[in-house]
Amino acid sequence: MTNSIRCNYAPRILAILVLAFATCAPRLAISAAPPTAESLVDAAVKTAKSQDKIVLVHFGASWCVWCRHLDDMLQGPELGKLFADHFVIVHLTVQESDDKKQLENPGAEQLLAREGAGKSGVPVFMFFDQAGKKIADSLALPNRANIGYPASPEEIEAFAGILEKTTPRMTAAQRGSIVEYLKKHAPAPEPAR
């Protein structure tokens, strides 16, 4: 008798589960909005203060190849630990294509504009001290041009200067290992035409 009762209720239970899923699925498909730029940077500043580090904010987009190269350097196996020892790294998504605007962190574009990098292409990076004050950014080339991912000799030199300014606890040898990494991973020059 018990087995027949279970068998009689199984289709009803299945129907209820299907109805519940059909009712809730549209809400499940809508993902939560990304956190605001302000909340991420504020949390990073608090962490930096408690860990005696600097905040490094990386502005990027999903379509940006150079942003991925920068992420590989900041978090990859060769230098990730070195960067994590000195920085609290925050990723903010900006400048997405129209079909991916939902990926952008609210307020990130405004932060770029407020800090003078609103017209720069990505990647852009900024360094903030433990009080949340900007101490350097990637607009370190002549005429405040953006370094982006440091690939050319001039960009690598400018990036090394930023590291020296922003991370006094980082040794010259550690900065040298970053410079060597950048030289090793620089794109090959385009052939002359």
C-alpha atoms as a PDB file:
ATOM      1  CA  MET A   1       0.000   0.000   0.000  1.00  0.00           C
ATOM      2  CA  THR A   2       2.799   2.437   0.850  1.00  0.00           C
ATOM      3  CA  ASN A   3       4.448   2.071  -2.563  1.00  0.00           C
ATOM      4  CA  SER A   4       1.192   2.764  -4.365  1.00  0.00           C
ATOM      5  CA  ILE A   5       0.615   5.910  -2.332  1.00  0.00           C
ATOM      6  CA  ARG A   6       4.108   7.167  -3.229  1.00  0.00           C
ATOM      7  CA  CYS A   7       3.522   6.387  -6.874  1.00  0.00           C
ATOM      8  CA  ASN A   8       0.198   8.245  -6.895  1.00  0.00           C
ATOM      9  CA  TYR A   9       1.739  11.393  -5.430  1.00  0.00           C
ATOM     10  CA  ALA A  10       4.922  11.386  -7.515  1.00  0.00           C
ATOM     11  CA  PRO A  11       3.318  13.030 -10.603  1.00  0.00           C
ATOM     12  CA  ARG A  12       1.709  15.697  -8.405  1.00  0.00           C
ATOM     13  CA  ILE A  13       4.973  16.453  -6.612  1.00  0.00           C
ATOM     14  CA  LEU A  14       6.765  16.635  -9.948  1.00  0.00           C
ATOM     15  CA  ALA A  15       4.102  19.002 -11.282  1.00  0.00           C
ATOM     16  CA  ILE A  16       4.451  21.243  -8.214  1.00  0.00           C
ATOM     17  CA  LEU A  17       8.247  21.330  -8.596  1.00  0.00           C
ATOM     18  CA  VAL A  18       7.983  22.175 -12.306  1.00  0.00           C
ATOM     19  CA  LEU A  19       5.485  24.947 -11.544  1.00  0.00           C
ATOM     20  CA  ALA A  20       7.704  26.321  -8.765  1.00  0.00           C
ATOM     21  CA  PHE A  21      10.738  26.306 -11.056  1.00  0.00           C
ATOM     22  CA  ALA A  22       8.807  27.934 -13.899  1.00  0.00           C
ATOM     23  CA  THR A  23       7.620  30.653 -11.527  1.00  0.00           C
ATOM     24  CA  CYS A  24      11.059  31.307  -9.991  1.00  0.00           C
ATOM     25  CA  ALA A  25      13.307  30.723 -13.016  1.00  0.00           C
ATOM     26  CA  PRO A  26      12.823  34.193 -14.529  1.00  0.00           C
ATOM     27  CA  ARG A  27      13.976  35.722 -11.249  1.00  0.00           C
ATOM     28  CA  LEU A  28      16.935  33.349 -11.052  1.00  0.00           C
ATOM     29  CA  ALA A  29      18.051  34.283 -14.565  1.00  0.00           C
ATOM     30  CA  ILE A  30      18.347  37.944 -13.607  1.00  0.00           C
ATOM     31  CA  SER A  31      21.762  38.292 -12.042  1.00  0.00           C
ATOM     32  CA  ALA A  32      22.437  40.825  -9.358  1.00  0.00           C
ATOM     33  CA  ALA A  33      23.927  44.114 -10.437  1.00  0.00           C
ATOM     34  CA  PRO A  34      27.676  44.398  -9.937  1.00  0.00           C
ATOM     35  CA  PRO A  35      28.765  46.144  -6.736  1.00  0.00           C
ATOM     36  CA  THR A  36      29.288  49.882  -6.925  1.00  0.00           C
ATOM     37  CA  ALA A  37      32.742  51.275  -7.537  1.00  0.00           C
ATOM     38  CA  GLU A  38      32.470  53.259  -4.319  1.00  0.00           C
ATOM     39  CA  SER A  39      31.704  50.189  -2.196  1.00  0.00           C
ATOM     40  CA  LEU A  40      34.581  48.195  -3.701  1.00  0.00           C
ATOM     41  CA  VAL A  41      37.126  50.996  -3.354  1.00  0.00           C
ATOM     42  CA  ASP A  42      35.981  51.829   0.202  1.00  0.00           C
ATOM     43  CA  ALA A  43      36.333  48.175   1.236  1.00  0.00           C
ATOM     44  CA  ALA A  44      39.770  47.994  -0.406  1.00  0.00           C
ATOM     45  CA  VAL A  45      40.933  51.140   1.419  1.00  0.00           C
ATOM     46  CA  LYS A  46      39.854  49.629   4.761  1.00  0.00           C
ATOM     47  CA  THR A  47      41.679  46.393   3.943  1.00  0.00           C
ATOM     48  CA  ALA A  48      44.769  48.294   2.795  1.00  0.00           C
ATOM     49  CA  LYS A  49      44.833  50.219   6.053  1.00  0.00           C
ATOM     50  CA  SER A  50      44.544  47.070   8.151  1.00  0.00           C
ATOM     51  CA  GLN A  51      47.206  45.242   6.090  1.00  0.00           C
ATOM     52  CA  ASP A  52      49.581  48.203   5.508  1.00  0.00           C
ATOM     53  CA  LYS A  53      49.164  48.085   1.723  1.00  0.00           C
ATOM     54  CA  ILE A  54      48.286  50.357  -1.172  1.00  0.00           C
ATOM     55  CA  VAL A  55      45.076  50.061  -3.230  1.00  0.00           C
ATOM     56  CA  LEU A  56      45.555  49.367  -6.929  1.00  0.00           C
ATOM     57  CA  VAL A  57      42.367  49.907  -8.927  1.00  0.00           C
ATOM     58  CA  HIS A  58      42.337  48.343 -12.395  1.00  0.00           C
ATOM     59  CA  PHE A  59      39.691  49.711 -14.757  1.00  0.00           C
ATOM     60  CA  GLY A  60      39.012  47.324 -17.617  1.00  0.00           C
ATOM     61  CA  ALA A  61      36.445  45.721 -19.897  1.00  0.00           C
ATOM     62  CA  SER A  62      35.635  42.172 -20.960  1.00  0.00           C
ATOM     63  CA  TRP A  63      36.627  42.858 -24.590  1.00  0.00           C
ATOM     64  CA  CYS A  64      40.027  44.364 -23.664  1.00  0.00           C
ATOM     65  CA  VAL A  65      42.987  42.100 -24.484  1.00  0.00           C
ATOM     66  CA  TRP A  66      45.465  44.446 -22.756  1.00  0.00           C
ATOM     67  CA  CYS A  67      43.322  44.319 -19.604  1.00  0.00           C
ATOM     68  CA  ARG A  68      43.729  40.534 -19.571  1.00  0.00           C
ATOM     69  CA  HIS A  69      47.499  40.947 -19.976  1.00  0.00           C
ATOM     70  CA  LEU A  70      47.493  43.311 -16.995  1.00  0.00           C
ATOM     71  CA  ASP A  71      45.456  40.800 -14.963  1.00  0.00           C
ATOM     72  CA  ASP A  72      47.912  38.051 -15.917  1.00  0.00           C
ATOM     73  CA  MET A  73      50.725  40.152 -14.509  1.00  0.00           C
ATOM     74  CA  LEU A  74      48.897  41.290 -11.364  1.00  0.00           C
ATOM     75  CA  GLN A  75      47.467  37.901 -10.439  1.00  0.00           C
ATOM     76  CA  GLY A  76      49.420  35.323 -12.417  1.00  0.00           C
ATOM     77  CA  PRO A  77      51.804  32.708 -11.055  1.00  0.00           C
ATOM     78  CA  GLU A  78      54.967  34.717 -11.768  1.00  0.00           C
ATOM     79  CA  LEU A  79      54.129  37.977  -9.975  1.00  0.00           C
ATOM     80  CA  GLY A  80      50.733  37.525  -8.324  1.00  0.00           C
ATOM     81  CA  LYS A  81      52.123  36.962  -4.831  1.00  0.00           C
ATOM     82  CA  LEU A  82      54.446  39.952  -5.113  1.00  0.00           C
ATOM     83  CA  PHE A  83      51.563  42.233  -6.084  1.00  0.00           C
ATOM     84  CA  ALA A  84      49.292  40.721  -3.407  1.00  0.00           C
ATOM     85  CA  ASP A  85      51.976  41.377  -0.770  1.00  0.00           C
ATOM     86  CA  HIS A  86      51.974  45.099  -1.570  1.00  0.00           C
ATOM     87  CA  PHE A  87      48.550  45.911  -2.987  1.00  0.00           C
ATOM     88  CA  VAL A  88      44.861  45.369  -2.458  1.00  0.00           C
ATOM     89  CA  ILE A  89      43.732  44.981  -6.053  1.00  0.00           C
ATOM     90  CA  VAL A  90      40.268  46.091  -7.148  1.00  0.00           C
ATOM     91  CA  HIS A  91      38.826  45.445 -10.604  1.00  0.00           C
ATOM     92  CA  LEU A  92      36.256  47.887 -11.928  1.00  0.00           C
ATOM     93  CA  THR A  93      34.464  47.238 -15.200  1.00  0.00           C
ATOM     94  CA  VAL A  94      33.952  50.212 -17.526  1.00  0.00           C
ATOM     95  CA  GLN A  95      33.560  51.015 -21.223  1.00  0.00           C
ATOM     96  CA  GLU A  96      31.711  47.810 -22.065  1.00  0.00           C
ATOM     97  CA  SER A  97      29.982  47.291 -25.398  1.00  0.00           C
ATOM     98  CA  ASP A  98      26.270  48.083 -25.460  1.00  0.00           C
ATOM     99  CA  ASP A  99      25.260  44.431 -25.091  1.00  0.00           C
ATOM    100  CA  LYS A 100      27.379  44.053 -21.923  1.00  0.00           C
ATOM    101  CA  LYS A 101      26.687  47.329 -20.113  1.00  0.00           C
ATOM    102  CA  GLN A 102      25.167  45.299 -17.244  1.00  0.00           C
ATOM    103  CA  LEU A 103      28.717  44.157 -16.360  1.00  0.00           C
ATOM    104  CA  GLU A 104      29.854  47.689 -15.501  1.00  0.00           C
ATOM    105  CA  ASN A 105      30.307  48.693 -11.887  1.00  0.00           C
ATOM    106  CA  PRO A 106      27.957  51.601 -11.144  1.00  0.00           C
ATOM    107  CA  GLY A 107      29.986  54.742 -10.501  1.00  0.00           C
ATOM    108  CA  ALA A 108      33.203  53.444 -12.097  1.00  0.00           C
ATOM    109  CA  GLU A 109      32.943  55.712 -15.161  1.00  0.00           C
ATOM    110  CA  GLN A 110      32.348  58.672 -12.858  1.00  0.00           C
ATOM    111  CA  LEU A 111      35.420  57.759 -10.796  1.00  0.00           C
ATOM    112  CA  LEU A 112      37.498  57.622 -13.991  1.00  0.00           C
ATOM    113  CA  ALA A 113      36.210  61.049 -15.038  1.00  0.00           C
ATOM    114  CA  ARG A 114      36.664  62.577 -11.569  1.00  0.00           C
ATOM    115  CA  GLU A 115      40.289  61.392 -11.481  1.00  0.00           C
ATOM    116  CA  GLY A 116      41.019  62.789 -14.956  1.00  0.00           C
ATOM    117  CA  ALA A 117      41.009  59.526 -16.930  1.00  0.00           C
ATOM    118  CA  GLY A 118      37.510  59.655 -18.396  1.00  0.00           C
ATOM    119  CA  LYS A 119      38.725  59.913 -21.966  1.00  0.00           C
ATOM    120  CA  SER A 120      41.475  57.297 -21.636  1.00  0.00           C
ATOM    121  CA  GLY A 121      41.149  53.872 -23.140  1.00  0.00           C
ATOM    122  CA  VAL A 122      41.402  50.822 -20.909  1.00  0.00           C
ATOM    123  CA  PRO A 123      43.220  49.492 -19.069  1.00  0.00           C
ATOM    124  CA  VAL A 124      43.618  52.384 -16.683  1.00  0.00           C
ATOM    125  CA  PHE A 125      45.020  51.883 -13.216  1.00  0.00           C
ATOM    126  CA  MET A 126      45.128  54.086 -10.147  1.00  0.00           C
ATOM    127  CA  PHE A 127      46.870  53.813  -6.807  1.00  0.00           C
ATOM    128  CA  PHE A 128      45.262  55.028  -3.570  1.00  0.00           C
ATOM    129  CA  ASP A 129      46.852  55.340  -0.138  1.00  0.00           C
ATOM    130  CA  GLN A 130      45.354  54.045   3.090  1.00  0.00           C
ATOM    131  CA  ALA A 131      43.301  57.220   3.466  1.00  0.00           C
ATOM    132  CA  GLY A 132      41.749  56.769  -0.001  1.00  0.00           C
ATOM    133  CA  LYS A 133      43.753  59.583  -1.604  1.00  0.00           C
ATOM    134  CA  LYS A 134      45.002  58.951  -5.146  1.00  0.00           C
ATOM    135  CA  ILE A 135      48.802  58.904  -5.200  1.00  0.00           C
ATOM    136  CA  ALA A 136      49.446  57.867  -8.828  1.00  0.00           C
ATOM    137  CA  ASP A 137      47.764  56.650 -11.981  1.00  0.00           C
ATOM    138  CA  SER A 138      48.550  55.236 -15.392  1.00  0.00           C
ATOM    139  CA  LEU A 139      48.381  58.676 -17.023  1.00  0.00           C
ATOM    140  CA  ALA A 140      52.149  58.868 -16.540  1.00  0.00           C
ATOM    141  CA  LEU A 141      53.390  59.441 -20.082  1.00  0.00           C
ATOM    142  CA  PRO A 142      53.976  62.874 -21.656  1.00  0.00           C
ATOM    143  CA  ASN A 143      50.801  64.956 -21.896  1.00  0.00           C
ATOM    144  CA  ARG A 144      49.211  62.608 -19.333  1.00  0.00           C
ATOM    145  CA  ALA A 145      48.832  59.850 -21.904  1.00  0.00           C
ATOM    146  CA  ASN A 146      47.761  56.482 -20.518  1.00  0.00           C
ATOM    147  CA  ILE A 147      50.328  53.721 -20.088  1.00  0.00           C
ATOM    148  CA  GLY A 148      47.654  51.030 -20.338  1.00  0.00           C
ATOM    149  CA  TYR A 149      49.455  47.708 -20.157  1.00  0.00           C
ATOM    150  CA  PRO A 150      53.165  48.620 -19.929  1.00  0.00           C
ATOM    151  CA  ALA A 151      54.613  47.173 -23.141  1.00  0.00           C
ATOM    152  CA  SER A 152      56.896  49.737 -24.780  1.00  0.00           C
ATOM    153  CA  PRO A 153      60.210  50.716 -23.157  1.00  0.00           C
ATOM    154  CA  GLU A 154      58.738  54.140 -22.264  1.00  0.00           C
ATOM    155  CA  GLU A 155      55.648  52.589 -20.680  1.00  0.00           C
ATOM    156  CA  ILE A 156      57.711  50.074 -18.707  1.00  0.00           C
ATOM    157  CA  GLU A 157      59.996  52.833 -17.427  1.00  0.00           C
ATOM    158  CA  ALA A 158      57.007  54.954 -16.406  1.00  0.00           C
ATOM    159  CA  PHE A 159      55.401  51.962 -14.643  1.00  0.00           C
ATOM    160  CA  ALA A 160      58.643  51.252 -12.753  1.00  0.00           C
ATOM    161  CA  GLY A 161      58.643  54.892 -11.599  1.00  0.00           C
ATOM    162  CA  ILE A 162      55.056  54.555 -10.369  1.00  0.00           C
ATOM    163  CA  LEU A 163      55.965  51.428  -8.406  1.00  0.00           C
ATOM    164  CA  GLU A 164      58.914  53.201  -6.799  1.00  0.00           C
ATOM    165  CA  LYS A 165      56.647  56.098  -5.800  1.00  0.00           C
ATOM    166  CA  THR A 166      53.710  54.026  -4.553  1.00  0.00           C
ATOM    167  CA  THR A 167      55.366  51.062  -2.823  1.00  0.00           C
ATOM    168  CA  PRO A 168      58.290  52.147  -0.676  1.00  0.00           C
ATOM    169  CA  ARG A 169      58.406  48.696   0.975  1.00  0.00           C
ATOM    170  CA  MET A 170      58.959  46.995  -2.399  1.00  0.00           C
ATOM    171  CA  THR A 171      62.655  46.376  -2.923  1.00  0.00           C
ATOM    172  CA  ALA A 172      64.579  47.427  -6.004  1.00  0.00           C
ATOM    173  CA  ALA A 173      65.044  43.728  -6.812  1.00  0.00           C
ATOM    174  CA  GLN A 174      61.277  43.144  -6.647  1.00  0.00           C
ATOM    175  CA  ARG A 175      60.602  46.119  -8.918  1.00  0.00           C
ATOM    176  CA  GLY A 176      63.334  44.782 -11.207  1.00  0.00           C
ATOM    177  CA  SER A 177      61.543  41.429 -11.440  1.00  0.00           C
ATOM    178  CA  ILE A 178      58.391  43.248 -12.566  1.00  0.00           C
ATOM    179  CA  VAL A 179      60.328  45.198 -15.197  1.00  0.00           C
ATOM    180  CA  GLU A 180      61.907  41.961 -16.445  1.00  0.00           C
ATOM    181  CA  TYR A 181      58.486  40.319 -16.635  1.00  0.00           C
ATOM    182  CA  LEU A 182      57.154  43.243 -18.688  1.00  0.00           C
ATOM    183  CA  LYS A 183      60.121  43.145 -21.062  1.00  0.00           C
ATOM    184  CA  LYS A 184      59.755  39.391 -21.456  1.00  0.00           C
ATOM    185  CA  HIS A 185      56.010  39.683 -22.176  1.00  0.00           C
ATOM    186  CA  ALA A 186      56.157  42.754 -24.418  1.00  0.00           C
ATOM    187  CA  PRO A 187      54.597  42.233 -27.830  1.00  0.00           C
ATOM    188  CA  ALA A 188      56.948  41.739 -30.728  1.00  0.00           C
ATOM    189  CA  PRO A 189      57.479  44.905 -32.764  1.00  0.00           C
ATOM    190  CA  GLU A 190      55.416  45.137 -35.906  1.00  0.00           C
ATOM    191  CA  PRO A 191      57.411  44.423 -39.065  1.00  0.00           C
ATOM    192  CA  ALA A 192      58.413  47.443 -41.149  1.00  0.00           C
ATOM    193  CA  ARG A 193      56.354  47.971 -44.257  1.00  0.00           C
END
